[in-house]
């Protein structure tokens, strides 16, 4: 969670106070720097989004899981490395191979605090 002091949301003179479940600000910044978005080709499968979200949430409470409009690409925003993500996806009942995953830098602006 982010708490903003000032009215400009970090643009110019406002101060940002970061807190994430008791973590100090340097750890929060480290996790934000590692944040990634993954696009996973789920063609031919019907993933259980609830199960995936539940498994990933235990490792990353700020995870965002969403199916793209095309119904084939699963979008996951997390700080987890791909190897961990693949293992957790398997625990959620999805067999995902590395060639199905496109790793992108996070596009998170931090505005929602997630």
PDB file of N, CA and C in Angstrom:
ATOM      1  N   UNK A   1       0.842  -1.174   0.000  1.00  0.00           N
ATOM      2  CA  UNK A   1       0.000   0.000   0.000  1.00  0.00           C
ATOM      3  C   UNK A   1       0.888   1.237   0.000  1.00  0.00           C
ATOM      4  N   UNK A   2       0.504   2.234  -0.729  1.00  0.00           N
ATOM      5  CA  UNK A   2       1.244   3.490  -0.734  1.00  0.00           C
ATOM      6  C   UNK A   2       0.369   4.558  -0.125  1.00  0.00           C
ATOM      7  N   UNK A   3       0.995   5.403   0.656  1.00  0.00           N
ATOM      8  CA  UNK A   3       0.304   6.548   1.244  1.00  0.00           C
ATOM      9  C   UNK A   3       0.961   7.787   0.680  1.00  0.00           C
ATOM     10  N   UNK A   4       0.172   8.690   0.131  1.00  0.00           N
ATOM     11  CA  UNK A   4       0.704   9.908  -0.462  1.00  0.00           C
ATOM     12  C   UNK A   4       0.485  11.075   0.483  1.00  0.00           C
ATOM     13  N   UNK A   5       1.522  11.861   0.673  1.00  0.00           N
ATOM     14  CA  UNK A   5       1.420  13.105   1.431  1.00  0.00           C
ATOM     15  C   UNK A   5       1.609  14.234   0.435  1.00  0.00           C
ATOM     16  N   UNK A   6       0.689  15.140   0.413  1.00  0.00           N
ATOM     17  CA  UNK A   6       0.704  16.184  -0.607  1.00  0.00           C
ATOM     18  C   UNK A   6      -0.386  15.875  -1.611  1.00  0.00           C
ATOM     19  N   UNK A   7      -0.650  16.799  -2.496  1.00  0.00           N
ATOM     20  CA  UNK A   7      -1.763  16.607  -3.408  1.00  0.00           C
ATOM     21  C   UNK A   7      -1.343  16.354  -4.848  1.00  0.00           C
ATOM     22  N   UNK A   8      -0.043  16.185  -5.085  1.00  0.00           N
ATOM     23  CA  UNK A   8       0.368  16.068  -6.474  1.00  0.00           C
ATOM     24  C   UNK A   8       0.807  14.650  -6.852  1.00  0.00           C
ATOM     25  N   UNK A   9       0.562  13.677  -6.002  1.00  0.00           N
ATOM     26  CA  UNK A   9       0.864  12.278  -6.294  1.00  0.00           C
ATOM     27  C   UNK A   9       2.300  12.069  -6.776  1.00  0.00           C
ATOM     28  N   UNK A  10       3.234  12.697  -6.086  1.00  0.00           N
ATOM     29  CA  UNK A  10       4.640  12.466  -6.367  1.00  0.00           C
ATOM     30  C   UNK A  10       5.225  13.306  -7.487  1.00  0.00           C
ATOM     31  N   UNK A  11       4.454  14.182  -8.076  1.00  0.00           N
ATOM     32  CA  UNK A  11       4.974  15.012  -9.150  1.00  0.00           C
ATOM     33  C   UNK A  11       5.366  16.364  -8.564  1.00  0.00           C
ATOM     34  N   UNK A  12       6.616  16.540  -8.355  1.00  0.00           N
ATOM     35  CA  UNK A  12       7.087  17.815  -7.806  1.00  0.00           C
ATOM     36  C   UNK A  12       7.258  17.767  -6.312  1.00  0.00           C
ATOM     37  N   UNK A  13       6.445  18.564  -5.563  1.00  0.00           N
ATOM     38  CA  UNK A  13       6.699  18.757  -4.155  1.00  0.00           C
ATOM     39  C   UNK A  13       6.085  17.761  -3.201  1.00  0.00           C
ATOM     40  N   UNK A  14       5.177  16.887  -3.632  1.00  0.00           N
ATOM     41  CA  UNK A  14       4.560  15.946  -2.706  1.00  0.00           C
ATOM     42  C   UNK A  14       5.552  14.901  -2.220  1.00  0.00           C
ATOM     43  N   UNK A  15       5.349  14.429  -0.992  1.00  0.00           N
ATOM     44  CA  UNK A  15       6.198  13.363  -0.471  1.00  0.00           C
ATOM     45  C   UNK A  15       5.427  12.064  -0.501  1.00  0.00           C
ATOM     46  N   UNK A  16       6.090  10.983  -0.871  1.00  0.00           N
ATOM     47  CA  UNK A  16       5.465   9.671  -0.876  1.00  0.00           C
ATOM     48  C   UNK A  16       6.022   8.869   0.289  1.00  0.00           C
ATOM     49  N   UNK A  17       5.154   8.310   1.080  1.00  0.00           N
ATOM     50  CA  UNK A  17       5.554   7.425   2.162  1.00  0.00           C
ATOM     51  C   UNK A  17       5.131   6.034   1.745  1.00  0.00           C
ATOM     52  N   UNK A  18       6.095   5.110   1.661  1.00  0.00           N
ATOM     53  CA  UNK A  18       5.774   3.775   1.197  1.00  0.00           C
ATOM     54  C   UNK A  18       5.726   2.820   2.371  1.00  0.00           C
ATOM     55  N   UNK A  19       4.729   1.987   2.362  1.00  0.00           N
ATOM     56  CA  UNK A  19       4.645   0.921   3.357  1.00  0.00           C
ATOM     57  C   UNK A  19       3.941  -0.250   2.714  1.00  0.00           C
ATOM     58  N   UNK A  20       4.435  -1.420   2.908  1.00  0.00           N
ATOM     59  CA  UNK A  20       3.807  -2.610   2.348  1.00  0.00           C
ATOM     60  C   UNK A  20       3.851  -3.693   3.403  1.00  0.00           C
ATOM     61  N   UNK A  21       2.753  -3.843   4.095  1.00  0.00           N
ATOM     62  CA  UNK A  21       2.623  -4.874   5.108  1.00  0.00           C
ATOM     63  C   UNK A  21       3.830  -4.902   6.057  1.00  0.00           C
ATOM     64  N   UNK A  22       4.232  -3.764   6.536  1.00  0.00           N
ATOM     65  CA  UNK A  22       5.317  -3.677   7.501  1.00  0.00           C
ATOM     66  C   UNK A  22       6.717  -3.673   6.901  1.00  0.00           C
ATOM     67  N   UNK A  23       6.852  -3.714   5.569  1.00  0.00           N
ATOM     68  CA  UNK A  23       8.175  -3.717   4.946  1.00  0.00           C
ATOM     69  C   UNK A  23       8.751  -2.314   4.954  1.00  0.00           C
ATOM     70  N   UNK A  24      10.073  -2.226   5.048  1.00  0.00           N
ATOM     71  CA  UNK A  24      10.670  -0.897   4.981  1.00  0.00           C
ATOM     72  C   UNK A  24      10.713  -0.424   3.529  1.00  0.00           C
ATOM     73  N   UNK A  25      10.869   0.855   3.339  1.00  0.00           N
ATOM     74  CA  UNK A  25      10.779   1.472   2.010  1.00  0.00           C
ATOM     75  C   UNK A  25      11.810   0.915   1.042  1.00  0.00           C
ATOM     76  N   UNK A  26      13.033   0.574   1.502  1.00  0.00           N
ATOM     77  CA  UNK A  26      14.045   0.061   0.582  1.00  0.00           C
ATOM     78  C   UNK A  26      13.645  -1.304   0.030  1.00  0.00           C
ATOM     79  N   UNK A  27      13.006  -2.141   0.835  1.00  0.00           N
ATOM     80  CA  UNK A  27      12.545  -3.439   0.351  1.00  0.00           C
ATOM     81  C   UNK A  27      11.398  -3.259  -0.641  1.00  0.00           C
ATOM     82  N   UNK A  28      10.503  -2.338  -0.358  1.00  0.00           N
ATOM     83  CA  UNK A  28       9.396  -2.067  -1.282  1.00  0.00           C
ATOM     84  C   UNK A  28       9.949  -1.631  -2.636  1.00  0.00           C
ATOM     85  N   UNK A  29      10.920  -0.707  -2.644  1.00  0.00           N
ATOM     86  CA  UNK A  29      11.513  -0.258  -3.908  1.00  0.00           C
ATOM     87  C   UNK A  29      12.185  -1.408  -4.636  1.00  0.00           C
ATOM     88  N   UNK A  30      12.878  -2.308  -3.900  1.00  0.00           N
ATOM     89  CA  UNK A  30      13.530  -3.462  -4.517  1.00  0.00           C
ATOM     90  C   UNK A  30      12.498  -4.353  -5.199  1.00  0.00           C
ATOM     91  N   UNK A  31      11.373  -4.607  -4.540  1.00  0.00           N
ATOM     92  CA  UNK A  31      10.337  -5.443  -5.123  1.00  0.00           C
ATOM     93  C   UNK A  31       9.715  -4.778  -6.339  1.00  0.00           C
ATOM     94  N   UNK A  32       9.521  -3.463  -6.271  1.00  0.00           N
ATOM     95  CA  UNK A  32       8.960  -2.741  -7.412  1.00  0.00           C
ATOM     96  C   UNK A  32       9.891  -2.810  -8.612  1.00  0.00           C
ATOM     97  N   UNK A  33      11.203  -2.751  -8.376  1.00  0.00           N
ATOM     98  CA  UNK A  33      12.161  -2.815  -9.474  1.00  0.00           C
ATOM     99  C   UNK A  33      12.134  -4.179 -10.148  1.00  0.00           C
ATOM    100  N   UNK A  34      11.784  -5.223  -9.416  1.00  0.00           N
ATOM    101  CA  UNK A  34      11.725  -6.571  -9.962  1.00  0.00           C
ATOM    102  C   UNK A  34      10.376  -6.883 -10.588  1.00  0.00           C
ATOM    103  N   UNK A  35       9.405  -6.005 -10.451  1.00  0.00           N
ATOM    104  CA  UNK A  35       8.059  -6.283 -10.944  1.00  0.00           C
ATOM    105  C   UNK A  35       8.086  -6.572 -12.439  1.00  0.00           C
ATOM    106  N   UNK A  36       7.343  -7.587 -12.813  1.00  0.00           N
ATOM    107  CA  UNK A  36       7.272  -7.981 -14.213  1.00  0.00           C
ATOM    108  C   UNK A  36       5.822  -8.224 -14.583  1.00  0.00           C
ATOM    109  N   UNK A  37       5.564  -8.140 -15.850  1.00  0.00           N
ATOM    110  CA  UNK A  37       4.277  -8.585 -16.371  1.00  0.00           C
ATOM    111  C   UNK A  37       4.574  -9.741 -17.307  1.00  0.00           C
ATOM    112  N   UNK A  38       3.811 -10.789 -17.143  1.00  0.00           N
ATOM    113  CA  UNK A  38       3.959 -11.974 -17.971  1.00  0.00           C
ATOM    114  C   UNK A  38       2.707 -12.146 -18.810  1.00  0.00           C
ATOM    115  N   UNK A  39       2.900 -12.470 -20.086  1.00  0.00           N
ATOM    116  CA  UNK A  39       1.803 -12.836 -20.965  1.00  0.00           C
ATOM    117  C   UNK A  39       2.011 -14.303 -21.300  1.00  0.00           C
ATOM    118  N   UNK A  40       1.017 -15.123 -20.951  1.00  0.00           N
ATOM    119  CA  UNK A  40       1.139 -16.569 -21.110  1.00  0.00           C
ATOM    120  C   UNK A  40       0.101 -17.038 -22.123  1.00  0.00           C
ATOM    121  N   UNK A  41       0.571 -17.710 -23.161  1.00  0.00           N
ATOM    122  CA  UNK A  41      -0.320 -18.239 -24.196  1.00  0.00           C
ATOM    123  C   UNK A  41      -1.040 -19.463 -23.643  1.00  0.00           C
ATOM    124  N   UNK A  42      -2.337 -19.322 -23.435  1.00  0.00           N
ATOM    125  CA  UNK A  42      -3.143 -20.408 -22.874  1.00  0.00           C
ATOM    126  C   UNK A  42      -4.061 -21.008 -23.941  1.00  0.00           C
ATOM    127  N   UNK A  43      -3.702 -20.874 -25.222  1.00  0.00           N
ATOM    128  CA  UNK A  43      -4.505 -21.409 -26.313  1.00  0.00           C
ATOM    129  C   UNK A  43      -4.813 -22.880 -26.071  1.00  0.00           C
ATOM    130  N   UNK A  44      -6.079 -23.222 -26.266  1.00  0.00           N
ATOM    131  CA  UNK A  44      -6.490 -24.611 -26.132  1.00  0.00           C
ATOM    132  C   UNK A  44      -6.754 -25.061 -24.709  1.00  0.00           C
ATOM    133  N   UNK A  45      -6.664 -24.150 -23.739  1.00  0.00           N
ATOM    134  CA  UNK A  45      -6.925 -24.525 -22.350  1.00  0.00           C
ATOM    135  C   UNK A  45      -7.936 -23.558 -21.740  1.00  0.00           C
ATOM    136  N   UNK A  46      -8.531 -23.978 -20.673  1.00  0.00           N
ATOM    137  CA  UNK A  46      -9.443 -23.127 -19.897  1.00  0.00           C
ATOM    138  C   UNK A  46      -8.880 -23.048 -18.478  1.00  0.00           C
ATOM    139  N   UNK A  47      -7.966 -22.103 -18.225  1.00  0.00           N
ATOM    140  CA  UNK A  47      -7.367 -22.024 -16.895  1.00  0.00           C
ATOM    141  C   UNK A  47      -8.367 -21.590 -15.834  1.00  0.00           C
ATOM    142  N   UNK A  48      -8.206 -22.109 -14.642  1.00  0.00           N
ATOM    143  CA  UNK A  48      -9.031 -21.711 -13.496  1.00  0.00           C
ATOM    144  C   UNK A  48      -8.381 -20.468 -12.885  1.00  0.00           C
ATOM    145  N   UNK A  49      -8.882 -19.291 -13.274  1.00  0.00           N
ATOM    146  CA  UNK A  49      -8.269 -18.040 -12.828  1.00  0.00           C
ATOM    147  C   UNK A  49      -8.298 -17.901 -11.312  1.00  0.00           C
ATOM    148  N   UNK A  50      -9.355 -18.361 -10.673  1.00  0.00           N
ATOM    149  CA  UNK A  50      -9.453 -18.293  -9.218  1.00  0.00           C
ATOM    150  C   UNK A  50      -8.359 -19.111  -8.548  1.00  0.00           C
ATOM    151  N   UNK A  51      -8.126 -20.321  -9.045  1.00  0.00           N
ATOM    152  CA  UNK A  51      -7.080 -21.179  -8.469  1.00  0.00           C
ATOM    153  C   UNK A  51      -5.699 -20.565  -8.686  1.00  0.00           C
ATOM    154  N   UNK A  52      -5.473 -20.017  -9.881  1.00  0.00           N
ATOM    155  CA  UNK A  52      -4.182 -19.379 -10.174  1.00  0.00           C
ATOM    156  C   UNK A  52      -3.964 -18.197  -9.240  1.00  0.00           C
ATOM    157  N   UNK A  53      -4.971 -17.351  -9.122  1.00  0.00           N
ATOM    158  CA  UNK A  53      -4.849 -16.172  -8.264  1.00  0.00           C
ATOM    159  C   UNK A  53      -4.611 -16.572  -6.809  1.00  0.00           C
ATOM    160  N   UNK A  54      -5.329 -17.588  -6.328  1.00  0.00           N
ATOM    161  CA  UNK A  54      -5.154 -18.034  -4.943  1.00  0.00           C
ATOM    162  C   UNK A  54      -3.734 -18.508  -4.677  1.00  0.00           C
ATOM    163  N   UNK A  55      -3.187 -19.311  -5.583  1.00  0.00           N
ATOM    164  CA  UNK A  55      -1.824 -19.839  -5.415  1.00  0.00           C
ATOM    165  C   UNK A  55      -0.800 -18.707  -5.469  1.00  0.00           C
ATOM    166  N   UNK A  56      -0.934 -17.815  -6.445  1.00  0.00           N
ATOM    167  CA  UNK A  56       0.037 -16.728  -6.596  1.00  0.00           C
ATOM    168  C   UNK A  56      -0.060 -15.721  -5.454  1.00  0.00           C
ATOM    169  N   UNK A  57      -1.276 -15.484  -4.971  1.00  0.00           N
ATOM    170  CA  UNK A  57      -1.479 -14.512  -3.898  1.00  0.00           C
ATOM    171  C   UNK A  57      -0.696 -14.885  -2.634  1.00  0.00           C
ATOM    172  N   UNK A  58      -0.554 -16.173  -2.375  1.00  0.00           N
ATOM    173  CA  UNK A  58       0.204 -16.601  -1.199  1.00  0.00           C
ATOM    174  C   UNK A  58       1.666 -16.161  -1.269  1.00  0.00           C
ATOM    175  N   UNK A  59       2.211 -16.040  -2.478  1.00  0.00           N
ATOM    176  CA  UNK A  59       3.596 -15.606  -2.654  1.00  0.00           C
ATOM    177  C   UNK A  59       3.733 -14.122  -2.945  1.00  0.00           C
ATOM    178  N   UNK A  60       2.690 -13.522  -3.519  1.00  0.00           N
ATOM    179  CA  UNK A  60       2.712 -12.100  -3.872  1.00  0.00           C
ATOM    180  C   UNK A  60       1.317 -11.513  -3.689  1.00  0.00           C
ATOM    181  N   UNK A  61       1.045 -10.913  -2.529  1.00  0.00           N
ATOM    182  CA  UNK A  61      -0.288 -10.364  -2.267  1.00  0.00           C
ATOM    183  C   UNK A  61      -0.712  -9.247  -3.220  1.00  0.00           C
ATOM    184  N   UNK A  62       0.203  -8.689  -3.986  1.00  0.00           N
ATOM    185  CA  UNK A  62      -0.134  -7.624  -4.928  1.00  0.00           C
ATOM    186  C   UNK A  62      -0.305  -8.150  -6.352  1.00  0.00           C
ATOM    187  N   UNK A  63      -0.322  -9.462  -6.537  1.00  0.00           N
ATOM    188  CA  UNK A  63      -0.421 -10.048  -7.871  1.00  0.00           C
ATOM    189  C   UNK A  63      -1.722  -9.630  -8.550  1.00  0.00           C
ATOM    190  N   UNK A  64      -1.639  -9.445  -9.866  1.00  0.00           N
ATOM    191  CA  UNK A  64      -2.825  -9.163 -10.682  1.00  0.00           C
ATOM    192  C   UNK A  64      -2.888 -10.236 -11.762  1.00  0.00           C
ATOM    193  N   UNK A  65      -4.025 -10.931 -11.833  1.00  0.00           N
ATOM    194  CA  UNK A  65      -4.233 -12.002 -12.804  1.00  0.00           C
ATOM    195  C   UNK A  65      -5.456 -11.632 -13.644  1.00  0.00           C
ATOM    196  N   UNK A  66      -5.301 -11.649 -14.959  1.00  0.00           N
ATOM    197  CA  UNK A  66      -6.424 -11.301 -15.837  1.00  0.00           C
ATOM    198  C   UNK A  66      -6.260 -12.001 -17.180  1.00  0.00           C
ATOM    199  N   UNK A  67      -7.375 -12.395 -17.745  1.00  0.00           N
ATOM    200  CA  UNK A  67      -7.366 -12.967 -19.086  1.00  0.00           C
ATOM    201  C   UNK A  67      -7.575 -11.838 -20.079  1.00  0.00           C
ATOM    202  N   UNK A  68      -6.749 -11.803 -21.118  1.00  0.00           N
ATOM    203  CA  UNK A  68      -6.903 -10.785 -22.159  1.00  0.00           C
ATOM    204  C   UNK A  68      -8.219 -11.015 -22.891  1.00  0.00           C
ATOM    205  N   UNK A  69      -8.705  -9.983 -23.549  1.00  0.00           N
ATOM    206  CA  UNK A  69      -9.988 -10.065 -24.251  1.00  0.00           C
ATOM    207  C   UNK A  69     -10.033 -11.175 -25.284  1.00  0.00           C
ATOM    208  N   UNK A  70      -8.880 -11.509 -25.859  1.00  0.00           N
ATOM    209  CA  UNK A  70      -8.873 -12.552 -26.888  1.00  0.00           C
ATOM    210  C   UNK A  70      -9.150 -13.942 -26.310  1.00  0.00           C
ATOM    211  N   UNK A  71      -9.064 -14.087 -24.976  1.00  0.00           N
ATOM    212  CA  UNK A  71      -9.334 -15.361 -24.325  1.00  0.00           C
ATOM    213  C   UNK A  71      -8.199 -16.356 -24.393  1.00  0.00           C
ATOM    214  N   UNK A  72      -7.063 -15.955 -24.983  1.00  0.00           N
ATOM    215  CA  UNK A  72      -5.932 -16.861 -25.121  1.00  0.00           C
ATOM    216  C   UNK A  72      -4.730 -16.459 -24.273  1.00  0.00           C
ATOM    217  N   UNK A  73      -4.606 -15.181 -23.994  1.00  0.00           N
ATOM    218  CA  UNK A  73      -3.431 -14.681 -23.274  1.00  0.00           C
ATOM    219  C   UNK A  73      -3.797 -14.379 -21.829  1.00  0.00           C
ATOM    220  N   UNK A  74      -3.100 -15.052 -20.921  1.00  0.00           N
ATOM    221  CA  UNK A  74      -3.247 -14.803 -19.491  1.00  0.00           C
ATOM    222  C   UNK A  74      -2.206 -13.770 -19.099  1.00  0.00           C
ATOM    223  N   UNK A  75      -2.652 -12.679 -18.498  1.00  0.00           N
ATOM    224  CA  UNK A  75      -1.749 -11.606 -18.076  1.00  0.00           C
ATOM    225  C   UNK A  75      -1.568 -11.691 -16.566  1.00  0.00           C
ATOM    226  N   UNK A  76      -0.312 -11.712 -16.135  1.00  0.00           N
ATOM    227  CA  UNK A  76       0.001 -11.765 -14.703  1.00  0.00           C
ATOM    228  C   UNK A  76       1.049 -10.711 -14.403  1.00  0.00           C
ATOM    229  N   UNK A  77       0.739  -9.826 -13.455  1.00  0.00           N
ATOM    230  CA  UNK A  77       1.690  -8.820 -12.987  1.00  0.00           C
ATOM    231  C   UNK A  77       2.132  -9.247 -11.584  1.00  0.00           C
ATOM    232  N   UNK A  78       3.426  -9.411 -11.397  1.00  0.00           N
ATOM    233  CA  UNK A  78       3.973  -9.901 -10.133  1.00  0.00           C
ATOM    234  C   UNK A  78       5.442  -9.557 -10.044  1.00  0.00           C
ATOM    235  N   UNK A  79       5.997  -9.691  -8.838  1.00  0.00           N
ATOM    236  CA  UNK A  79       7.442  -9.530  -8.683  1.00  0.00           C
ATOM    237  C   UNK A  79       8.143 -10.879  -8.727  1.00  0.00           C
ATOM    238  N   UNK A  80       7.409 -11.981  -8.843  1.00  0.00           N
ATOM    239  CA  UNK A  80       7.995 -13.319  -8.844  1.00  0.00           C
ATOM    240  C   UNK A  80       8.813 -13.560 -10.114  1.00  0.00           C
ATOM    241  N   UNK A  81       9.954 -14.241  -9.984  1.00  0.00           N
ATOM    242  CA  UNK A  81      10.705 -14.604 -11.191  1.00  0.00           C
ATOM    243  C   UNK A  81       9.955 -15.702 -11.957  1.00  0.00           C
ATOM    244  N   UNK A  82      10.266 -15.828 -13.240  1.00  0.00           N
ATOM    245  CA  UNK A  82       9.526 -16.755 -14.089  1.00  0.00           C
ATOM    246  C   UNK A  82       9.610 -18.192 -13.590  1.00  0.00           C
ATOM    247  N   UNK A  83      10.739 -18.632 -13.088  1.00  0.00           N
ATOM    248  CA  UNK A  83      10.850 -20.012 -12.607  1.00  0.00           C
ATOM    249  C   UNK A  83       9.863 -20.281 -11.477  1.00  0.00           C
ATOM    250  N   UNK A  84       9.719 -19.336 -10.548  1.00  0.00           N
ATOM    251  CA  UNK A  84       8.746 -19.480  -9.468  1.00  0.00           C
ATOM    252  C   UNK A  84       7.326 -19.463 -10.021  1.00  0.00           C
ATOM    253  N   UNK A  85       7.075 -18.562 -10.960  1.00  0.00           N
ATOM    254  CA  UNK A  85       5.748 -18.456 -11.557  1.00  0.00           C
ATOM    255  C   UNK A  85       5.349 -19.777 -12.214  1.00  0.00           C
ATOM    256  N   UNK A  86       6.251 -20.382 -12.971  1.00  0.00           N
ATOM    257  CA  UNK A  86       5.943 -21.640 -13.645  1.00  0.00           C
ATOM    258  C   UNK A  86       5.613 -22.741 -12.643  1.00  0.00           C
ATOM    259  N   UNK A  87       6.365 -22.818 -11.552  1.00  0.00           N
ATOM    260  CA  UNK A  87       6.099 -23.812 -10.521  1.00  0.00           C
ATOM    261  C   UNK A  87       4.754 -23.598  -9.854  1.00  0.00           C
ATOM    262  N   UNK A  88       4.432 -22.352  -9.567  1.00  0.00           N
ATOM    263  CA  UNK A  88       3.157 -22.046  -8.936  1.00  0.00           C
ATOM    264  C   UNK A  88       1.984 -22.285  -9.889  1.00  0.00           C
ATOM    265  N   UNK A  89       2.184 -22.012 -11.167  1.00  0.00           N
ATOM    266  CA  UNK A  89       1.138 -22.290 -12.149  1.00  0.00           C
ATOM    267  C   UNK A  89       0.850 -23.795 -12.189  1.00  0.00           C
ATOM    268  N   UNK A  90       1.898 -24.596 -12.090  1.00  0.00           N
ATOM    269  CA  UNK A  90       1.724 -26.046 -12.079  1.00  0.00           C
ATOM    270  C   UNK A  90       0.927 -26.476 -10.840  1.00  0.00           C
ATOM    271  N   UNK A  91       1.227 -25.854  -9.694  1.00  0.00           N
ATOM    272  CA  UNK A  91       0.467 -26.152  -8.473  1.00  0.00           C
ATOM    273  C   UNK A  91      -1.006 -25.792  -8.636  1.00  0.00           C
ATOM    274  N   UNK A  92      -1.291 -24.790  -9.454  1.00  0.00           N
ATOM    275  CA  UNK A  92      -2.669 -24.359  -9.692  1.00  0.00           C
ATOM    276  C   UNK A  92      -3.360 -25.207 -10.758  1.00  0.00           C
ATOM    277  N   UNK A  93      -2.661 -26.221 -11.274  1.00  0.00           N
ATOM    278  CA  UNK A  93      -3.258 -27.118 -12.254  1.00  0.00           C
ATOM    279  C   UNK A  93      -3.036 -26.728 -13.694  1.00  0.00           C
ATOM    280  N   UNK A  94      -2.128 -25.795 -13.957  1.00  0.00           N
ATOM    281  CA  UNK A  94      -1.828 -25.362 -15.329  1.00  0.00           C
ATOM    282  C   UNK A  94      -0.417 -25.776 -15.702  1.00  0.00           C
ATOM    283  N   UNK A  95      -0.304 -26.591 -16.714  1.00  0.00           N
ATOM    284  CA  UNK A  95       1.015 -26.962 -17.209  1.00  0.00           C
ATOM    285  C   UNK A  95       1.451 -25.900 -18.208  1.00  0.00           C
ATOM    286  N   UNK A  96       2.380 -25.063 -17.804  1.00  0.00           N
ATOM    287  CA  UNK A  96       2.874 -23.974 -18.653  1.00  0.00           C
ATOM    288  C   UNK A  96       4.361 -24.195 -18.896  1.00  0.00           C
ATOM    289  N   UNK A  97       4.750 -24.154 -20.161  1.00  0.00           N
ATOM    290  CA  UNK A  97       6.144 -24.304 -20.559  1.00  0.00           C
ATOM    291  C   UNK A  97       6.753 -22.922 -20.791  1.00  0.00           C
ATOM    292  N   UNK A  98       8.067 -22.801 -20.573  1.00  0.00           N
ATOM    293  CA  UNK A  98       8.708 -21.484 -20.738  1.00  0.00           C
ATOM    294  C   UNK A  98       8.456 -20.827 -22.099  1.00  0.00           C
ATOM    295  N   UNK A  99       8.347 -21.610 -23.177  1.00  0.00           N
ATOM    296  CA  UNK A  99       8.131 -21.015 -24.501  1.00  0.00           C
ATOM    297  C   UNK A  99       6.756 -20.365 -24.644  1.00  0.00           C
ATOM    298  N   UNK A 100       5.832 -20.635 -23.712  1.00  0.00           N
ATOM    299  CA  UNK A 100       4.499 -20.030 -23.746  1.00  0.00           C
ATOM    300  C   UNK A 100       4.476 -18.653 -23.088  1.00  0.00           C
ATOM    301  N   UNK A 101       5.575 -18.278 -22.426  1.00  0.00           N
ATOM    302  CA  UNK A 101       5.597 -17.081 -21.593  1.00  0.00           C
ATOM    303  C   UNK A 101       6.412 -15.973 -22.257  1.00  0.00           C
ATOM    304  N   UNK A 102       5.810 -14.797 -22.322  1.00  0.00           N
ATOM    305  CA  UNK A 102       6.526 -13.589 -22.754  1.00  0.00           C
ATOM    306  C   UNK A 102       6.678 -12.723 -21.509  1.00  0.00           C
ATOM    307  N   UNK A 103       7.911 -12.365 -21.210  1.00  0.00           N
ATOM    308  CA  UNK A 103       8.231 -11.581 -20.017  1.00  0.00           C
ATOM    309  C   UNK A 103       8.396 -10.117 -20.422  1.00  0.00           C
ATOM    310  N   UNK A 104       7.604  -9.238 -19.788  1.00  0.00           N
ATOM    311  CA  UNK A 104       7.637  -7.808 -20.101  1.00  0.00           C
ATOM    312  C   UNK A 104       7.944  -7.014 -18.844  1.00  0.00           C
ATOM    313  N   UNK A 105       8.554  -5.841 -18.968  1.00  0.00           N
ATOM    314  CA  UNK A 105       8.708  -4.995 -17.794  1.00  0.00           C
ATOM    315  C   UNK A 105       7.334  -4.541 -17.302  1.00  0.00           C
ATOM    316  N   UNK A 106       7.215  -4.321 -16.030  1.00  0.00           N
ATOM    317  CA  UNK A 106       5.937  -3.881 -15.474  1.00  0.00           C
ATOM    318  C   UNK A 106       5.555  -2.524 -16.024  1.00  0.00           C
ATOM    319  N   UNK A 107       4.250  -2.346 -16.249  1.00  0.00           N
ATOM    320  CA  UNK A 107       3.746  -1.043 -16.669  1.00  0.00           C
ATOM    321  C   UNK A 107       3.020  -0.355 -15.512  1.00  0.00           C
ATOM    322  N   UNK A 108       3.236  -0.891 -14.309  1.00  0.00           N
ATOM    323  CA  UNK A 108       2.566  -0.351 -13.124  1.00  0.00           C
ATOM    324  C   UNK A 108       3.060   1.062 -12.840  1.00  0.00           C
ATOM    325  N   UNK A 109       2.118   1.978 -12.655  1.00  0.00           N
ATOM    326  CA  UNK A 109       2.479   3.361 -12.336  1.00  0.00           C
ATOM    327  C   UNK A 109       2.496   3.587 -10.831  1.00  0.00           C
ATOM    328  N   UNK A 110       1.971   2.596 -10.078  1.00  0.00           N
ATOM    329  CA  UNK A 110       1.933   2.727  -8.627  1.00  0.00           C
ATOM    330  C   UNK A 110       0.784   3.545  -8.106  1.00  0.00           C
ATOM    331  N   UNK A 111      -0.035   4.078  -8.959  1.00  0.00           N
ATOM    332  CA  UNK A 111      -1.115   4.958  -8.555  1.00  0.00           C
ATOM    333  C   UNK A 111      -2.184   4.310  -7.700  1.00  0.00           C
ATOM    334  N   UNK A 112      -2.414   3.020  -7.920  1.00  0.00           N
ATOM    335  CA  UNK A 112      -3.475   2.351  -7.145  1.00  0.00           C
ATOM    336  C   UNK A 112      -2.933   1.761  -5.851  1.00  0.00           C
ATOM    337  N   UNK A 113      -1.623   1.765  -5.691  1.00  0.00           N
ATOM    338  CA  UNK A 113      -1.016   1.242  -4.465  1.00  0.00           C
ATOM    339  C   UNK A 113      -0.767  -0.245  -4.527  1.00  0.00           C
ATOM    340  N   UNK A 114      -0.995  -0.890  -5.676  1.00  0.00           N
ATOM    341  CA  UNK A 114      -0.834  -2.338  -5.801  1.00  0.00           C
ATOM    342  C   UNK A 114       0.476  -2.745  -6.323  1.00  0.00           C
TER     343      UNK A 114
END
